PDB file of N, CA and C in Angstrom:
ATOM      1  N   MET A   1     114.141  87.523-109.757  1.00  0.00           N
ATOM      2  CA  MET A   1     113.386  88.504-109.003  1.00  0.00           C
ATOM      3  C   MET A   1     112.581  89.361-109.977  1.00  0.00           C
ATOM      4  N   GLY A   2     111.380  89.775-109.586  1.00  0.00           N
ATOM      5  CA  GLY A   2     110.494  90.563-110.445  1.00  0.00           C
ATOM      6  C   GLY A   2     110.977  91.990-110.626  1.00  0.00           C
ATOM      7  N   ARG A   3     110.453  92.612-111.641  1.00  0.00           N
ATOM      8  CA  ARG A   3     110.793  94.010-111.921  1.00  0.00           C
ATOM      9  C   ARG A   3     109.577  94.887-111.694  1.00  0.00           C
ATOM     10  N   TRP A   4     109.824  96.085-111.345  1.00  0.00           N
ATOM     11  CA  TRP A   4     108.761  97.069-111.195  1.00  0.00           C
ATOM     12  C   TRP A   4     108.519  97.720-112.542  1.00  0.00           C
ATOM     13  N   ASP A   5     107.282  97.897-112.882  1.00  0.00           N
ATOM     14  CA  ASP A   5     106.929  98.588-114.118  1.00  0.00           C
ATOM     15  C   ASP A   5     106.474  99.992-113.743  1.00  0.00           C
ATOM     16  N   LEU A   6     107.397 100.935-113.784  1.00  0.00           N
ATOM     17  CA  LEU A   6     107.093 102.303-113.376  1.00  0.00           C
ATOM     18  C   LEU A   6     106.717 103.119-114.600  1.00  0.00           C
ATOM     19  N   ARG A   7     105.509 103.648-114.567  1.00  0.00           N
ATOM     20  CA  ARG A   7     105.018 104.511-115.646  1.00  0.00           C
ATOM     21  C   ARG A   7     104.376 105.738-115.038  1.00  0.00           C
ATOM     22  N   PRO A   8     104.415 106.837-115.763  1.00  0.00           N
ATOM     23  CA  PRO A   8     103.721 108.038-115.262  1.00  0.00           C
ATOM     24  C   PRO A   8     102.219 107.764-115.141  1.00  0.00           C
ATOM     25  N   ARG A   9     101.605 108.289-114.076  1.00  0.00           N
ATOM     26  CA  ARG A   9     100.163 108.154-113.865  1.00  0.00           C
ATOM     27  C   ARG A   9      99.552 109.539-113.789  1.00  0.00           C
ATOM     28  N   ASP A  10      98.339 109.631-114.245  1.00  0.00           N
ATOM     29  CA  ASP A  10      97.594 110.883-114.153  1.00  0.00           C
ATOM     30  C   ASP A  10      96.856 110.882-112.817  1.00  0.00           C
ATOM     31  N   ILE A  11      97.575 111.246-111.759  1.00  0.00           N
ATOM     32  CA  ILE A  11      97.010 111.211-110.405  1.00  0.00           C
ATOM     33  C   ILE A  11      95.784 112.118-110.300  1.00  0.00           C
ATOM     34  N   TRP A  12      95.813 113.276-110.923  1.00  0.00           N
ATOM     35  CA  TRP A  12      94.680 114.192-110.858  1.00  0.00           C
ATOM     36  C   TRP A  12      93.428 113.550-111.435  1.00  0.00           C
ATOM     37  N   ALA A  13      93.556 112.808-112.539  1.00  0.00           N
ATOM     38  CA  ALA A  13      92.405 112.122-113.140  1.00  0.00           C
ATOM     39  C   ALA A  13      91.872 111.052-112.191  1.00  0.00           C
ATOM     40  N   GLU A  14      92.767 110.357-111.487  1.00  0.00           N
ATOM     41  CA  GLU A  14      92.334 109.337-110.522  1.00  0.00           C
ATOM     42  C   GLU A  14      91.570 109.972-109.365  1.00  0.00           C
ATOM     43  N   ILE A  15      92.044 111.128-108.902  1.00  0.00           N
ATOM     44  CA  ILE A  15      91.357 111.836-107.810  1.00  0.00           C
ATOM     45  C   ILE A  15      89.981 112.308-108.276  1.00  0.00           C
ATOM     46  N   GLN A  16      89.924 112.874-109.481  1.00  0.00           N
ATOM     47  CA  GLN A  16      88.640 113.340-110.013  1.00  0.00           C
ATOM     48  C   GLN A  16      87.663 112.179-110.196  1.00  0.00           C
ATOM     49  N   ASP A  17      88.151 111.024-110.641  1.00  0.00           N
ATOM     50  CA  ASP A  17      87.303 109.844-110.808  1.00  0.00           C
ATOM     51  C   ASP A  17      86.751 109.377-109.459  1.00  0.00           C
ATOM     52  N   ALA A  18      87.626 109.320-108.448  1.00  0.00           N
ATOM     53  CA  ALA A  18      87.182 108.908-107.111  1.00  0.00           C
ATOM     54  C   ALA A  18      86.150 109.891-106.556  1.00  0.00           C
ATOM     55  N   ALA A  19      86.371 111.177-106.748  1.00  0.00           N
ATOM     56  CA  ALA A  19      85.420 112.187-106.266  1.00  0.00           C
ATOM     57  C   ALA A  19      84.083 112.069-106.992  1.00  0.00           C
ATOM     58  N   ALA A  20      84.112 111.803-108.286  1.00  0.00           N
ATOM     59  CA  ALA A  20      82.867 111.655-109.049  1.00  0.00           C
ATOM     60  C   ALA A  20      82.079 110.436-108.571  1.00  0.00           C
ATOM     61  N   ARG A  21      82.780 109.328-108.312  1.00  0.00           N
ATOM     62  CA  ARG A  21      82.092 108.125-107.805  1.00  0.00           C
ATOM     63  C   ARG A  21      81.510 108.387-106.424  1.00  0.00           C
ATOM     64  N   TRP A  22      82.236 109.128-105.580  1.00  0.00           N
ATOM     65  CA  TRP A  22      81.746 109.464-104.238  1.00  0.00           C
ATOM     66  C   TRP A  22      80.502 110.335-104.321  1.00  0.00           C
ATOM     67  N   ARG A  23      80.523 111.348-105.202  1.00  0.00           N
ATOM     68  CA  ARG A  23      79.341 112.204-105.378  1.00  0.00           C
ATOM     69  C   ARG A  23      78.161 111.402-105.917  1.00  0.00           C
ATOM     70  N   ALA A  24      78.409 110.520-106.891  1.00  0.00           N
ATOM     71  CA  ALA A  24      77.337 109.703-107.478  1.00  0.00           C
ATOM     72  C   ALA A  24      76.729 108.749-106.440  1.00  0.00           C
ATOM     73  N   ALA A  25      77.506 108.400-105.425  1.00  0.00           N
ATOM     74  CA  ALA A  25      77.008 107.510-104.368  1.00  0.00           C
ATOM     75  C   ALA A  25      76.275 108.274-103.277  1.00  0.00           C
ATOM     76  N   GLY A  26      76.097 109.584-103.450  1.00  0.00           N
ATOM     77  CA  GLY A  26      75.368 110.380-102.457  1.00  0.00           C
ATOM     78  C   GLY A  26      76.274 110.999-101.408  1.00  0.00           C
ATOM     79  N   GLU A  27      77.569 111.077-101.664  1.00  0.00           N
ATOM     80  CA  GLU A  27      78.545 111.664-100.749  1.00  0.00           C
ATOM     81  C   GLU A  27      78.457 111.062 -99.346  1.00  0.00           C
ATOM     82  N   PRO A  28      78.592 109.743 -99.234  1.00  0.00           N
ATOM     83  CA  PRO A  28      78.453 109.102 -97.918  1.00  0.00           C
ATOM     84  C   PRO A  28      79.521 109.571 -96.933  1.00  0.00           C
ATOM     85  N   ALA A  29      79.098 109.773 -95.685  1.00  0.00           N
ATOM     86  CA  ALA A  29      80.008 110.184 -94.617  1.00  0.00           C
ATOM     87  C   ALA A  29      80.394 109.003 -93.736  1.00  0.00           C
ATOM     88  N   ALA A  30      79.730 107.873 -93.922  1.00  0.00           N
ATOM     89  CA  ALA A  30      80.005 106.689 -93.106  1.00  0.00           C
ATOM     90  C   ALA A  30      79.986 105.461 -94.009  1.00  0.00           C
ATOM     91  N   TYR A  31      80.655 104.422 -93.571  1.00  0.00           N
ATOM     92  CA  TYR A  31      80.725 103.171 -94.323  1.00  0.00           C
ATOM     93  C   TYR A  31      80.510 102.006 -93.376  1.00  0.00           C
ATOM     94  N   ARG A  32      80.062 100.907 -93.919  1.00  0.00           N
ATOM     95  CA  ARG A  32      79.897  99.677 -93.148  1.00  0.00           C
ATOM     96  C   ARG A  32      81.100  98.780 -93.425  1.00  0.00           C
ATOM     97  N   ILE A  33      81.552  98.093 -92.394  1.00  0.00           N
ATOM     98  CA  ILE A  33      82.638  97.136 -92.548  1.00  0.00           C
ATOM     99  C   ILE A  33      82.033  95.736 -92.436  1.00  0.00           C
ATOM    100  N   HIS A  34      82.314  94.896 -93.430  1.00  0.00           N
ATOM    101  CA  HIS A  34      81.806  93.526 -93.456  1.00  0.00           C
ATOM    102  C   HIS A  34      82.971  92.569 -93.254  1.00  0.00           C
ATOM    103  N   PHE A  35      82.782  91.589 -92.391  1.00  0.00           N
ATOM    104  CA  PHE A  35      83.774  90.550 -92.151  1.00  0.00           C
ATOM    105  C   PHE A  35      83.221  89.259 -92.715  1.00  0.00           C
ATOM    106  N   ASP A  36      83.734  88.832 -93.849  1.00  0.00           N
ATOM    107  CA  ASP A  36      83.274  87.614 -94.501  1.00  0.00           C
ATOM    108  C   ASP A  36      84.171  86.447 -94.098  1.00  0.00           C
ATOM    109  N   THR A  37      83.805  85.276 -94.566  1.00  0.00           N
ATOM    110  CA  THR A  37      84.636  84.101 -94.293  1.00  0.00           C
ATOM    111  C   THR A  37      85.942  84.211 -95.062  1.00  0.00           C
ATOM    112  N   GLY A  38      86.951  83.517 -94.591  1.00  0.00           N
ATOM    113  CA  GLY A  38      88.223  83.505 -95.283  1.00  0.00           C
ATOM    114  C   GLY A  38      89.026  84.782 -95.121  1.00  0.00           C
ATOM    115  N   ASP A  39      88.848  85.491 -94.010  1.00  0.00           N
ATOM    116  CA  ASP A  39      89.608  86.709 -93.721  1.00  0.00           C
ATOM    117  C   ASP A  39      89.363  87.832 -94.725  1.00  0.00           C
ATOM    118  N   VAL A  40      88.212  87.848 -95.408  1.00  0.00           N
ATOM    119  CA  VAL A  40      87.887  88.913 -96.359  1.00  0.00           C
ATOM    120  C   VAL A  40      87.122  90.004 -95.615  1.00  0.00           C
ATOM    121  N   GLN A  41      87.606  91.231 -95.745  1.00  0.00           N
ATOM    122  CA  GLN A  41      86.955  92.379 -95.126  1.00  0.00           C
ATOM    123  C   GLN A  41      86.635  93.387 -96.228  1.00  0.00           C
ATOM    124  N   ARG A  42      85.408  93.931 -96.183  1.00  0.00           N
ATOM    125  CA  ARG A  42      84.979  94.892 -97.202  1.00  0.00           C
ATOM    126  C   ARG A  42      84.396  96.123 -96.530  1.00  0.00           C
ATOM    127  N   ALA A  43      84.582  97.268 -97.162  1.00  0.00           N
ATOM    128  CA  ALA A  43      83.929  98.510 -96.757  1.00  0.00           C
ATOM    129  C   ALA A  43      82.863  98.815 -97.800  1.00  0.00           C
ATOM    130  N   THR A  44      81.676  99.215 -97.337  1.00  0.00           N
ATOM    131  CA  THR A  44      80.558  99.486 -98.241  1.00  0.00           C
ATOM    132  C   THR A  44      79.830 100.736 -97.782  1.00  0.00           C
ATOM    133  N   SER A  45      79.458 101.588 -98.738  1.00  0.00           N
ATOM    134  CA  SER A  45      78.649 102.755 -98.395  1.00  0.00           C
ATOM    135  C   SER A  45      77.246 102.271 -98.020  1.00  0.00           C
ATOM    136  N   PRO A  46      76.502 103.064 -97.230  1.00  0.00           N
ATOM    137  CA  PRO A  46      75.183 102.618 -96.775  1.00  0.00           C
ATOM    138  C   PRO A  46      74.240 102.197 -97.905  1.00  0.00           C
ATOM    139  N   ASN A  47      74.314 102.856 -99.072  1.00  0.00           N
ATOM    140  CA  ASN A  47      73.414 102.482-100.163  1.00  0.00           C
ATOM    141  C   ASN A  47      74.014 101.415-101.082  1.00  0.00           C
ATOM    142  N   GLY A  48      75.231 100.949-100.767  1.00  0.00           N
ATOM    143  CA  GLY A  48      75.857  99.895-101.550  1.00  0.00           C
ATOM    144  C   GLY A  48      76.474 100.349-102.860  1.00  0.00           C
ATOM    145  N   ALA A  49      76.463 101.660-103.137  1.00  0.00           N
ATOM    146  CA  ALA A  49      76.999 102.162-104.401  1.00  0.00           C
ATOM    147  C   ALA A  49      78.517 102.092-104.460  1.00  0.00           C
ATOM    148  N   LEU A  50      79.175 102.216-103.313  1.00  0.00           N
ATOM    149  CA  LEU A  50      80.631 102.097-103.247  1.00  0.00           C
ATOM    150  C   LEU A  50      80.988 100.903-102.388  1.00  0.00           C
ATOM    151  N   THR A  51      81.872 100.065-102.862  1.00  0.00           N
ATOM    152  CA  THR A  51      82.343  98.933-102.075  1.00  0.00           C
ATOM    153  C   THR A  51      83.738  98.551-102.535  1.00  0.00           C
ATOM    154  N   TRP A  52      84.558  98.132-101.596  1.00  0.00           N
ATOM    155  CA  TRP A  52      85.890  97.663-101.957  1.00  0.00           C
ATOM    156  C   TRP A  52      86.393  96.726-100.874  1.00  0.00           C
ATOM    157  N   GLN A  53      87.298  95.847-101.275  1.00  0.00           N
ATOM    158  CA  GLN A  53      87.901  94.897-100.347  1.00  0.00           C
ATOM    159  C   GLN A  53      89.063  95.575 -99.643  1.00  0.00           C
ATOM    160  N   LEU A  54      89.128  95.402 -98.333  1.00  0.00           N
ATOM    161  CA  LEU A  54      90.209  95.983 -97.546  1.00  0.00           C
ATOM    162  C   LEU A  54      91.401  95.032 -97.545  1.00  0.00           C
ATOM    163  N   PRO A  55      92.615  95.564 -97.530  1.00  0.00           N
ATOM    164  CA  PRO A  55      93.776  94.680 -97.482  1.00  0.00           C
ATOM    165  C   PRO A  55      93.864  93.994 -96.128  1.00  0.00           C
ATOM    166  N   LEU A  56      94.299  92.757 -96.128  1.00  0.00           N
ATOM    167  CA  LEU A  56      94.451  91.998 -94.889  1.00  0.00           C
ATOM    168  C   LEU A  56      95.752  92.422 -94.220  1.00  0.00           C
ATOM    169  N   VAL A  57      95.638  93.034 -93.059  1.00  0.00           N
ATOM    170  CA  VAL A  57      96.814  93.490 -92.332  1.00  0.00           C
ATOM    171  C   VAL A  57      97.340  92.359 -91.461  1.00  0.00           C
ATOM    172  N   PHE A  58      96.443  91.680 -90.784  1.00  0.00           N
ATOM    173  CA  PHE A  58      96.819  90.525 -89.980  1.00  0.00           C
ATOM    174  C   PHE A  58      95.592  89.645 -89.823  1.00  0.00           C
ATOM    175  N   SER A  59      95.819  88.425 -89.467  1.00  0.00           N
ATOM    176  CA  SER A  59      94.727  87.481 -89.272  1.00  0.00           C
ATOM    177  C   SER A  59      94.562  87.217 -87.778  1.00  0.00           C
ATOM    178  N   VAL A  60      93.333  87.303 -87.304  1.00  0.00           N
ATOM    179  CA  VAL A  60      93.041  87.016 -85.904  1.00  0.00           C
ATOM    180  C   VAL A  60      92.620  85.555 -85.809  1.00  0.00           C
ATOM    181  N   PRO A  61      93.302  84.768 -84.982  1.00  0.00           N
ATOM    182  CA  PRO A  61      92.932  83.352 -84.886  1.00  0.00           C
ATOM    183  C   PRO A  61      91.555  83.176 -84.264  1.00  0.00           C
ATOM    184  N   GLY A  62      90.862  82.154 -84.690  1.00  0.00           N
ATOM    185  CA  GLY A  62      89.552  81.834 -84.150  1.00  0.00           C
ATOM    186  C   GLY A  62      89.679  81.133 -82.802  1.00  0.00           C
ATOM    187  N   PRO A  63      88.547  80.730 -82.238  1.00  0.00           N
ATOM    188  CA  PRO A  63      88.609  80.024 -80.951  1.00  0.00           C
ATOM    189  C   PRO A  63      89.344  78.704 -81.109  1.00  0.00           C
ATOM    190  N   PRO A  64      89.960  78.249 -80.047  1.00  0.00           N
ATOM    191  CA  PRO A  64      90.709  76.987 -80.128  1.00  0.00           C
ATOM    192  C   PRO A  64      89.755  75.821 -80.421  1.00  0.00           C
ATOM    193  N   ASN A  65      90.239  74.869 -81.151  1.00  0.00           N
ATOM    194  CA  ASN A  65      89.481  73.667 -81.456  1.00  0.00           C
ATOM    195  C   ASN A  65      89.574  72.741 -80.238  1.00  0.00           C
ATOM    196  N   THR A  66      88.433  72.452 -79.622  1.00  0.00           N
ATOM    197  CA  THR A  66      88.431  71.645 -78.393  1.00  0.00           C
ATOM    198  C   THR A  66      88.015  70.215 -78.618  1.00  0.00           C
ATOM    199  N   THR A  67      87.892  69.805 -79.885  1.00  0.00           N
ATOM    200  CA  THR A  67      87.478  68.416 -80.146  1.00  0.00           C
ATOM    201  C   THR A  67      88.657  67.503 -80.276  1.00  0.00           C
TER     202      THR A  67
END
């Protein structure tokens, strides 16, 4: 079984970094959600400066194969 590697993190630095990236992207108030092939979902700011892949919570089956 795997082990967890627990180390102290500078959470404040991570928050400041995220805030700086948000400000540099124009402080977007809305995001676009993209549904790509292969169950990949991404959130993107309107100007494309911020983007990240969303975790897959569940998979929705496609239409039944009728052939």
